[in-house]
C-alpha atoms as a PDB file:
ATOM      1  CA  UNK A   1      -2.378 -61.951 -53.781  1.00  0.00           C
ATOM      2  CA  UNK A   2      -4.712 -63.637 -51.452  1.00  0.00           C
ATOM      3  CA  UNK A   3      -5.031 -62.461 -47.968  1.00  0.00           C
ATOM      4  CA  UNK A   4      -3.885 -64.869 -45.307  1.00  0.00           C
ATOM      5  CA  UNK A   5      -6.555 -65.995 -42.613  1.00  0.00           C
ATOM      6  CA  UNK A   6      -5.535 -66.373 -39.052  1.00  0.00           C
ATOM      7  CA  UNK A   7      -5.948 -69.940 -37.752  1.00  0.00           C
ATOM      8  CA  UNK A   8      -8.031 -70.177 -34.633  1.00  0.00           C
ATOM      9  CA  UNK A   9      -6.271 -72.413 -32.287  1.00  0.00           C
ATOM     10  CA  UNK A  10      -7.339 -73.220 -28.767  1.00  0.00           C
ATOM     11  CA  UNK A  11      -6.010 -70.904 -26.173  1.00  0.00           C
ATOM     12  CA  UNK A  12      -5.143 -68.080 -29.014  1.00  0.00           C
ATOM     13  CA  UNK A  13      -6.023 -64.462 -28.587  1.00  0.00           C
ATOM     14  CA  UNK A  14      -8.363 -64.666 -31.417  1.00  0.00           C
ATOM     15  CA  UNK A  15     -10.189 -67.749 -29.905  1.00  0.00           C
ATOM     16  CA  UNK A  16     -10.667 -65.478 -26.722  1.00  0.00           C
ATOM     17  CA  UNK A  17     -12.175 -62.631 -28.754  1.00  0.00           C
ATOM     18  CA  UNK A  18     -14.383 -65.292 -30.550  1.00  0.00           C
ATOM     19  CA  UNK A  19     -15.795 -66.456 -27.491  1.00  0.00           C
ATOM     20  CA  UNK A  20     -16.617 -63.200 -26.331  1.00  0.00           C
ATOM     21  CA  UNK A  21     -18.955 -62.675 -29.253  1.00  0.00           C
ATOM     22  CA  UNK A  22     -20.211 -66.177 -29.645  1.00  0.00           C
ATOM     23  CA  UNK A  23     -22.996 -67.150 -27.129  1.00  0.00           C
ATOM     24  CA  UNK A  24     -22.446 -70.698 -26.911  1.00  0.00           C
ATOM     25  CA  UNK A  25     -19.224 -72.692 -27.126  1.00  0.00           C
ATOM     26  CA  UNK A  26     -18.664 -74.582 -30.306  1.00  0.00           C
ATOM     27  CA  UNK A  27     -20.643 -72.081 -32.597  1.00  0.00           C
ATOM     28  CA  UNK A  28     -18.821 -70.532 -35.304  1.00  0.00           C
ATOM     29  CA  UNK A  29     -18.353 -66.782 -34.840  1.00  0.00           C
ATOM     30  CA  UNK A  30     -18.770 -64.790 -38.018  1.00  0.00           C
ATOM     31  CA  UNK A  31     -18.022 -61.330 -36.449  1.00  0.00           C
ATOM     32  CA  UNK A  32     -14.616 -62.136 -35.289  1.00  0.00           C
ATOM     33  CA  UNK A  33     -13.704 -63.809 -38.521  1.00  0.00           C
ATOM     34  CA  UNK A  34     -14.502 -60.763 -40.554  1.00  0.00           C
ATOM     35  CA  UNK A  35     -12.677 -58.556 -38.119  1.00  0.00           C
ATOM     36  CA  UNK A  36      -9.646 -60.924 -38.312  1.00  0.00           C
ATOM     37  CA  UNK A  37      -9.873 -60.806 -42.122  1.00  0.00           C
ATOM     38  CA  UNK A  38     -10.014 -56.839 -42.165  1.00  0.00           C
ATOM     39  CA  UNK A  39      -7.050 -56.853 -39.679  1.00  0.00           C
ATOM     40  CA  UNK A  40      -4.997 -59.064 -41.897  1.00  0.00           C
ATOM     41  CA  UNK A  41      -5.845 -57.128 -44.898  1.00  0.00           C
ATOM     42  CA  UNK A  42      -4.705 -53.790 -43.309  1.00  0.00           C
ATOM     43  CA  UNK A  43      -1.579 -55.238 -41.934  1.00  0.00           C
ATOM     44  CA  UNK A  44      -0.720 -57.035 -45.390  1.00  0.00           C
ATOM     45  CA  UNK A  45      -1.234 -53.498 -47.144  1.00  0.00           C
ATOM     46  CA  UNK A  46       0.763 -51.579 -44.325  1.00  0.00           C
ATOM     47  CA  UNK A  47       3.690 -54.129 -44.363  1.00  0.00           C
ATOM     48  CA  UNK A  48       4.278 -53.908 -48.050  1.00  0.00           C
ATOM     49  CA  UNK A  49       3.867 -50.322 -48.117  1.00  0.00           C
ATOM     50  CA  UNK A  50       0.815 -50.682 -50.692  1.00  0.00           C
ATOM     51  CA  UNK A  51      -0.859 -47.678 -49.194  1.00  0.00           C
ATOM     52  CA  UNK A  52      -1.160 -46.063 -52.546  1.00  0.00           C
ATOM     53  CA  UNK A  53      -2.886 -49.024 -54.012  1.00  0.00           C
ATOM     54  CA  UNK A  54      -5.261 -48.926 -51.030  1.00  0.00           C
ATOM     55  CA  UNK A  55      -5.875 -45.297 -51.384  1.00  0.00           C
ATOM     56  CA  UNK A  56      -6.582 -46.001 -55.150  1.00  0.00           C
ATOM     57  CA  UNK A  57      -8.935 -48.668 -54.444  1.00  0.00           C
ATOM     58  CA  UNK A  58     -10.871 -46.837 -52.049  1.00  0.00           C
ATOM     59  CA  UNK A  59     -11.155 -43.755 -54.468  1.00  0.00           C
ATOM     60  CA  UNK A  60     -12.209 -45.970 -57.296  1.00  0.00           C
ATOM     61  CA  UNK A  61     -14.839 -47.646 -54.911  1.00  0.00           C
ATOM     62  CA  UNK A  62     -16.240 -44.295 -53.857  1.00  0.00           C
ATOM     63  CA  UNK A  63     -16.310 -42.959 -57.546  1.00  0.00           C
ATOM     64  CA  UNK A  64     -18.142 -46.033 -58.613  1.00  0.00           C
ATOM     65  CA  UNK A  65     -20.689 -45.732 -55.793  1.00  0.00           C
ATOM     66  CA  UNK A  66     -21.155 -42.017 -56.747  1.00  0.00           C
ATOM     67  CA  UNK A  67     -21.720 -43.130 -60.298  1.00  0.00           C
ATOM     68  CA  UNK A  68     -24.203 -45.697 -59.298  1.00  0.00           C
ATOM     69  CA  UNK A  69     -25.983 -43.002 -57.213  1.00  0.00           C
ATOM     70  CA  UNK A  70     -25.957 -40.545 -60.038  1.00  0.00           C
ATOM     71  CA  UNK A  71     -27.327 -43.076 -62.609  1.00  0.00           C
ATOM     72  CA  UNK A  72     -30.104 -44.071 -60.237  1.00  0.00           C
ATOM     73  CA  UNK A  73     -31.201 -40.445 -59.691  1.00  0.00           C
ATOM     74  CA  UNK A  74     -30.893 -39.821 -63.468  1.00  0.00           C
ATOM     75  CA  UNK A  75     -33.428 -42.499 -64.119  1.00  0.00           C
ATOM     76  CA  UNK A  76     -35.775 -41.572 -61.500  1.00  0.00           C
ATOM     77  CA  UNK A  77     -35.871 -37.855 -63.131  1.00  0.00           C
ATOM     78  CA  UNK A  78     -36.256 -39.425 -66.513  1.00  0.00           C
ATOM     79  CA  UNK A  79     -39.244 -41.156 -65.133  1.00  0.00           C
ATOM     80  CA  UNK A  80     -40.717 -38.303 -63.782  1.00  0.00           C
ATOM     81  CA  UNK A  81     -40.274 -36.317 -66.989  1.00  0.00           C
ATOM     82  CA  UNK A  82     -41.948 -39.152 -68.860  1.00  0.00           C
ATOM     83  CA  UNK A  83     -44.911 -39.130 -66.758  1.00  0.00           C
ATOM     84  CA  UNK A  84     -45.154 -35.386 -66.940  1.00  0.00           C
ATOM     85  CA  UNK A  85     -45.197 -35.506 -70.798  1.00  0.00           C
ATOM     86  CA  UNK A  86     -47.538 -38.292 -70.734  1.00  0.00           C
ATOM     87  CA  UNK A  87     -50.028 -36.100 -68.500  1.00  0.00           C
ATOM     88  CA  UNK A  88     -49.484 -33.153 -70.686  1.00  0.00           C
ATOM     89  CA  UNK A  89     -50.516 -35.328 -73.767  1.00  0.00           C
ATOM     90  CA  UNK A  90     -53.641 -36.373 -72.026  1.00  0.00           C
ATOM     91  CA  UNK A  91     -54.538 -32.856 -71.140  1.00  0.00           C
ATOM     92  CA  UNK A  92     -53.852 -31.673 -74.700  1.00  0.00           C
ATOM     93  CA  UNK A  93     -56.206 -34.340 -76.107  1.00  0.00           C
ATOM     94  CA  UNK A  94     -58.834 -33.660 -73.568  1.00  0.00           C
ATOM     95  CA  UNK A  95     -59.015 -29.885 -74.427  1.00  0.00           C
ATOM     96  CA  UNK A  96     -58.788 -30.454 -78.253  1.00  0.00           C
ATOM     97  CA  UNK A  97     -61.556 -32.460 -78.231  1.00  0.00           C
ATOM     98  CA  UNK A  98     -63.744 -30.042 -76.287  1.00  0.00           C
ATOM     99  CA  UNK A  99     -62.346 -27.027 -78.672  1.00  0.00           C
ATOM    100  CA  UNK A 100     -63.767 -28.783 -81.691  1.00  0.00           C
ATOM    101  CA  UNK A 101     -67.430 -29.061 -80.648  1.00  0.00           C
END
C-alpha cells in the first residue's frame, strides 16, 4: 500500500517548517518533504500495528547490506590472492631460468 503524502497548504504547519528550511519563498523544499514522508511512513506503521513488518524489513535490509559488504571484501581478498599467485609464478620462472644455466 502506498504511503500518503501530506498536502502543503498555505498556513499549514508543514508550510511553516518548509519556509524555515528554504532560503527563498516559492522554492520547493526537498528536506521537509522527505521528513514528512518519513513521518507519514512511521505513523502508518504505528497506526496499523505493523511494527513487526517494519522490524522484519529493517532486519532484512541490514542483512542484505552485510551480505554486500562481505561479498565485496571476499572479492578484494580473491584479487589479492590472485596477485600473490601471479607474482609467485613470475618468481619461480625467473629462478628456474637461472638454475638451468
